[in-house]
Amino acid sequence: MGKLHYDGKSFEMDDRMLAHLQLIIGVKLRRGENFFMAWKAPASSGEGRRAIWIDNGVPIYFEYAGGRELRLNMAWAEKLADQASKGGGLTIMAEDVPLMPEED
């Protein structure tokens, strides 16, 4: 499990999810687009949901537990990006779309 460090707080997340979020958050902030990001709280910290406002003015740091770079599922990334552009913001969802085959 990696960690998303944001505004002085740390949130544990799966490395694979974190890699996709890094892509989406990077693109959105580069465009100057702030947004809400929400997810279900892990059982270890109690039930419920968490939500944070992702803003260009707040430092963000991605910490991965694993040492290797992960292959991104662009179909999943597109679903996440589409959600992030809607009024309710990005609600983190499971990777339910198949991984696209690698191009030669």
C-alpha atoms as a PDB file:
ATOM      1  CA  MET A   1       0.000   0.000   0.000  1.00  0.00           C
ATOM      2  CA  GLY A   2       1.248   3.420  -0.939  1.00  0.00           C
ATOM      3  CA  LYS A   3       0.245   6.802   0.423  1.00  0.00           C
ATOM      4  CA  LEU A   4      -1.177   9.999  -0.943  1.00  0.00           C
ATOM      5  CA  HIS A   5       0.165  12.923   1.099  1.00  0.00           C
ATOM      6  CA  TYR A   6      -1.996  16.017   0.800  1.00  0.00           C
ATOM      7  CA  ASP A   7      -2.316  19.134   2.941  1.00  0.00           C
ATOM      8  CA  GLY A   8      -0.431  17.612   5.875  1.00  0.00           C
ATOM      9  CA  LYS A   9      -2.446  14.384   5.890  1.00  0.00           C
ATOM     10  CA  SER A  10      -1.630  10.903   4.562  1.00  0.00           C
ATOM     11  CA  PHE A  11      -4.106   8.514   2.972  1.00  0.00           C
ATOM     12  CA  GLU A  12      -3.258   4.851   2.367  1.00  0.00           C
ATOM     13  CA  MET A  13      -4.052   3.627  -1.125  1.00  0.00           C
ATOM     14  CA  ASP A  14      -3.163   0.704  -3.321  1.00  0.00           C
ATOM     15  CA  ASP A  15      -0.086   1.439  -5.485  1.00  0.00           C
ATOM     16  CA  ARG A  16      -2.014   0.672  -8.670  1.00  0.00           C
ATOM     17  CA  MET A  17      -4.792   3.102  -7.750  1.00  0.00           C
ATOM     18  CA  LEU A  18      -2.212   5.691  -6.724  1.00  0.00           C
ATOM     19  CA  ALA A  19      -0.466   5.488 -10.117  1.00  0.00           C
ATOM     20  CA  HIS A  20      -3.735   6.158 -11.937  1.00  0.00           C
ATOM     21  CA  LEU A  21      -4.612   9.007  -9.576  1.00  0.00           C
ATOM     22  CA  GLN A  22      -1.191  10.569 -10.155  1.00  0.00           C
ATOM     23  CA  LEU A  23      -1.929  10.645 -13.880  1.00  0.00           C
ATOM     24  CA  ILE A  24      -5.440  12.111 -13.482  1.00  0.00           C
ATOM     25  CA  ILE A  25      -4.515  14.646 -10.798  1.00  0.00           C
ATOM     26  CA  GLY A  26      -1.438  15.745 -12.751  1.00  0.00           C
ATOM     27  CA  VAL A  27      -3.444  16.381 -15.919  1.00  0.00           C
ATOM     28  CA  LYS A  28      -6.242  18.218 -14.098  1.00  0.00           C
ATOM     29  CA  LEU A  29      -3.911  20.468 -12.093  1.00  0.00           C
ATOM     30  CA  ARG A  30      -1.754  21.216 -15.129  1.00  0.00           C
ATOM     31  CA  ARG A  31      -4.942  22.570 -16.745  1.00  0.00           C
ATOM     32  CA  GLY A  32      -5.746  24.606 -13.634  1.00  0.00           C
ATOM     33  CA  GLU A  33      -8.808  22.465 -12.861  1.00  0.00           C
ATOM     34  CA  ASN A  34      -9.473  21.927  -9.147  1.00  0.00           C
ATOM     35  CA  PHE A  35     -11.917  19.180  -8.122  1.00  0.00           C
ATOM     36  CA  PHE A  36     -13.268  16.999  -5.324  1.00  0.00           C
ATOM     37  CA  MET A  37     -11.948  13.476  -4.896  1.00  0.00           C
ATOM     38  CA  ALA A  38     -13.873  10.991  -2.725  1.00  0.00           C
ATOM     39  CA  TRP A  39     -13.408   7.367  -1.693  1.00  0.00           C
ATOM     40  CA  LYS A  40     -14.695   4.784   0.744  1.00  0.00           C
ATOM     41  CA  ALA A  41     -12.706   4.773   3.985  1.00  0.00           C
ATOM     42  CA  PRO A  42     -10.771   1.559   4.665  1.00  0.00           C
ATOM     43  CA  ALA A  43     -12.215  -0.778   7.307  1.00  0.00           C
ATOM     44  CA  SER A  44      -9.165  -0.174   9.514  1.00  0.00           C
ATOM     45  CA  SER A  45     -10.148   3.475   9.972  1.00  0.00           C
ATOM     46  CA  GLY A  46     -13.885   2.969  10.297  1.00  0.00           C
ATOM     47  CA  GLU A  47     -16.688   2.964   7.788  1.00  0.00           C
ATOM     48  CA  GLY A  48     -17.804   5.935   5.763  1.00  0.00           C
ATOM     49  CA  ARG A  49     -16.398   8.101   3.006  1.00  0.00           C
ATOM     50  CA  ARG A  50     -13.658  10.663   2.711  1.00  0.00           C
ATOM     51  CA  ALA A  51     -13.502  13.598   0.335  1.00  0.00           C
ATOM     52  CA  ILE A  52     -10.802  16.182  -0.305  1.00  0.00           C
ATOM     53  CA  TRP A  53     -10.641  19.255  -2.532  1.00  0.00           C
ATOM     54  CA  ILE A  54      -7.698  18.870  -4.916  1.00  0.00           C
ATOM     55  CA  ASP A  55      -6.254  22.336  -5.512  1.00  0.00           C
ATOM     56  CA  ASN A  56      -3.199  23.647  -7.371  1.00  0.00           C
ATOM     57  CA  GLY A  57      -2.107  25.607  -4.307  1.00  0.00           C
ATOM     58  CA  VAL A  58      -1.753  22.559  -2.054  1.00  0.00           C
ATOM     59  CA  PRO A  59       1.386  20.381  -2.245  1.00  0.00           C
ATOM     60  CA  ILE A  60       0.702  16.756  -3.138  1.00  0.00           C
ATOM     61  CA  TYR A  61       3.081  13.812  -2.836  1.00  0.00           C
ATOM     62  CA  PHE A  62       2.648  10.234  -4.051  1.00  0.00           C
ATOM     63  CA  GLU A  63       4.529   7.560  -2.079  1.00  0.00           C
ATOM     64  CA  TYR A  64       4.644   4.049  -3.525  1.00  0.00           C
ATOM     65  CA  ALA A  65       5.366   0.910  -1.497  1.00  0.00           C
ATOM     66  CA  GLY A  66       6.641  -1.013  -4.524  1.00  0.00           C
ATOM     67  CA  GLY A  67       9.758  -0.115  -6.456  1.00  0.00           C
ATOM     68  CA  ARG A  68       8.624  -0.908  -9.982  1.00  0.00           C
ATOM     69  CA  GLU A  69       6.669   1.303 -12.351  1.00  0.00           C
ATOM     70  CA  LEU A  70       3.128   0.074 -12.930  1.00  0.00           C
ATOM     71  CA  ARG A  71       1.501  -0.352 -16.330  1.00  0.00           C
ATOM     72  CA  LEU A  72      -1.505   1.951 -16.544  1.00  0.00           C
ATOM     73  CA  ASN A  73      -4.941   0.842 -17.717  1.00  0.00           C
ATOM     74  CA  MET A  74      -5.882   3.759 -19.961  1.00  0.00           C
ATOM     75  CA  ALA A  75      -9.556   2.702 -20.200  1.00  0.00           C
ATOM     76  CA  TRP A  76      -9.817   2.887 -16.402  1.00  0.00           C
ATOM     77  CA  ALA A  77      -7.878   6.172 -16.368  1.00  0.00           C
ATOM     78  CA  GLU A  78     -10.355   7.633 -18.876  1.00  0.00           C
ATOM     79  CA  LYS A  79     -13.304   6.609 -16.676  1.00  0.00           C
ATOM     80  CA  LEU A  80     -11.651   8.257 -13.672  1.00  0.00           C
ATOM     81  CA  ALA A  81     -10.842  11.403 -15.679  1.00  0.00           C
ATOM     82  CA  ASP A  82     -14.426  11.655 -16.948  1.00  0.00           C
ATOM     83  CA  GLN A  83     -15.711  11.445 -13.384  1.00  0.00           C
ATOM     84  CA  ALA A  84     -13.244  14.075 -12.184  1.00  0.00           C
ATOM     85  CA  SER A  85     -14.650  16.492 -14.771  1.00  0.00           C
ATOM     86  CA  LYS A  86     -18.226  16.177 -13.511  1.00  0.00           C
ATOM     87  CA  GLY A  87     -19.815  18.362 -10.831  1.00  0.00           C
ATOM     88  CA  GLY A  88     -19.563  15.749  -8.088  1.00  0.00           C
ATOM     89  CA  GLY A  89     -15.869  15.245  -8.714  1.00  0.00           C
ATOM     90  CA  LEU A  90     -13.887  12.030  -8.804  1.00  0.00           C
ATOM     91  CA  THR A  91     -15.229   9.133  -6.769  1.00  0.00           C
ATOM     92  CA  ILE A  92     -12.565   6.447  -6.713  1.00  0.00           C
ATOM     93  CA  MET A  93     -13.892   3.235  -8.236  1.00  0.00           C
ATOM     94  CA  ALA A  94     -12.558  -0.266  -8.676  1.00  0.00           C
ATOM     95  CA  GLU A  95     -10.703  -1.209 -11.833  1.00  0.00           C
ATOM     96  CA  ASP A  96     -13.537  -3.008 -13.607  1.00  0.00           C
ATOM     97  CA  VAL A  97     -12.443  -2.434 -17.188  1.00  0.00           C
ATOM     98  CA  PRO A  98     -10.053  -4.878 -18.851  1.00  0.00           C
ATOM     99  CA  LEU A  99      -6.448  -3.863 -19.348  1.00  0.00           C
ATOM    100  CA  MET A 100      -5.811  -2.833 -22.957  1.00  0.00           C
ATOM    101  CA  PRO A 101      -3.247  -4.976 -24.799  1.00  0.00           C
ATOM    102  CA  GLU A 102       0.218  -3.477 -25.128  1.00  0.00           C
ATOM    103  CA  GLU A 103       1.104  -2.040 -28.523  1.00  0.00           C
ATOM    104  CA  ASP A 104       4.152  -3.420 -30.317  1.00  0.00           C
END
